[in-house]
C-alpha atoms as a PDB file:
ATOM      1  CA  MET A   1      -9.351  -2.456  27.433  1.00  0.00           C
ATOM      2  CA  PRO A   2      -7.952  -3.775  30.732  1.00  0.00           C
ATOM      3  CA  ASP A   3      -7.872  -1.340  33.654  1.00  0.00           C
ATOM      4  CA  HIS A   4      -4.085  -1.592  33.994  1.00  0.00           C
ATOM      5  CA  VAL A   5      -3.532  -0.228  30.459  1.00  0.00           C
ATOM      6  CA  SER A   6      -3.732   3.531  30.229  1.00  0.00           C
ATOM      7  CA  ARG A   7      -5.387   5.084  27.202  1.00  0.00           C
ATOM      8  CA  TRP A   8      -4.100   8.103  25.347  1.00  0.00           C
ATOM      9  CA  PRO A   9      -6.889  10.712  25.382  1.00  0.00           C
ATOM     10  CA  GLU A  10      -9.085  10.569  22.278  1.00  0.00           C
ATOM     11  CA  GLY A  11      -8.413  13.282  19.751  1.00  0.00           C
ATOM     12  CA  HIS A  12      -4.792  13.759  20.875  1.00  0.00           C
ATOM     13  CA  SER A  13      -1.984  12.544  18.674  1.00  0.00           C
ATOM     14  CA  LEU A  14       1.096  10.888  20.068  1.00  0.00           C
ATOM     15  CA  PRO A  15       3.918  13.454  19.969  1.00  0.00           C
ATOM     16  CA  ALA A  16       6.472  10.946  18.610  1.00  0.00           C
ATOM     17  CA  LEU A  17       4.357   9.996  15.587  1.00  0.00           C
ATOM     18  CA  PRO A  18       3.924  12.143  12.472  1.00  0.00           C
ATOM     19  CA  GLN A  19       0.432  13.226  11.480  1.00  0.00           C
ATOM     20  CA  GLN A  20      -1.220  10.487   9.441  1.00  0.00           C
ATOM     21  CA  ARG A  21      -3.110  10.993   6.196  1.00  0.00           C
ATOM     22  CA  GLN A  22      -6.858  10.667   6.320  1.00  0.00           C
ATOM     23  CA  SER A  23      -6.974   9.029   2.892  1.00  0.00           C
ATOM     24  CA  GLY A  24      -4.684   6.895   0.792  1.00  0.00           C
ATOM     25  CA  PRO A  25      -2.498   8.154  -2.023  1.00  0.00           C
ATOM     26  CA  ARG A  26      -4.222   8.987  -5.277  1.00  0.00           C
ATOM     27  CA  SER A  27      -4.000   6.267  -7.852  1.00  0.00           C
ATOM     28  CA  GLU A  28      -2.116   6.675 -11.085  1.00  0.00           C
ATOM     29  CA  SER A  29      -2.265   4.755 -14.323  1.00  0.00           C
ATOM     30  CA  VAL A  30      -0.631   4.751 -17.729  1.00  0.00           C
ATOM     31  CA  GLU A  31      -1.760   3.338 -21.038  1.00  0.00           C
ATOM     32  CA  LEU A  32       0.454   0.548 -22.352  1.00  0.00           C
ATOM     33  CA  THR A  33       1.068  -0.113 -26.009  1.00  0.00           C
ATOM     34  CA  PRO A  34       0.075  -3.555 -27.313  1.00  0.00           C
ATOM     35  CA  GLY A  35       3.784  -4.512 -27.331  1.00  0.00           C
ATOM     36  CA  GLU A  36       4.212  -3.401 -23.713  1.00  0.00           C
ATOM     37  CA  ARG A  37       1.129  -5.376 -22.671  1.00  0.00           C
ATOM     38  CA  ASP A  38       2.495  -8.491 -24.404  1.00  0.00           C
ATOM     39  CA  ALA A  39       5.921  -8.051 -22.790  1.00  0.00           C
ATOM     40  CA  PHE A  40       4.335  -7.618 -19.350  1.00  0.00           C
ATOM     41  CA  ALA A  41       2.168 -10.701 -19.846  1.00  0.00           C
ATOM     42  CA  GLU A  42       5.269 -12.691 -20.802  1.00  0.00           C
ATOM     43  CA  LEU A  43       7.118 -11.458 -17.703  1.00  0.00           C
ATOM     44  CA  VAL A  44       4.183 -12.484 -15.496  1.00  0.00           C
ATOM     45  CA  ARG A  45       4.140 -15.937 -17.124  1.00  0.00           C
ATOM     46  CA  GLN A  46       7.889 -16.369 -16.533  1.00  0.00           C
ATOM     47  CA  LEU A  47       7.607 -15.336 -12.892  1.00  0.00           C
ATOM     48  CA  ARG A  48       4.622 -17.631 -12.372  1.00  0.00           C
ATOM     49  CA  ASP A  49       6.483 -20.559 -13.930  1.00  0.00           C
ATOM     50  CA  ARG A  50       9.416 -19.948 -11.570  1.00  0.00           C
ATOM     51  CA  GLY A  51       7.057 -19.884  -8.593  1.00  0.00           C
ATOM     52  CA  ILE A  52       7.887 -16.282  -7.719  1.00  0.00           C
END
């Protein structure tokens, strides 16, 4: 780091920033029915074909 840039002391948080999480959010999942899986696959195909 260049000498002209001051560093915030290590281990001290910036007072204007909220405390950050140490890990990401837990993941969630749901089971889809065969019909829901087919409908989702069709939606993905339509979006792909439109270039979205």
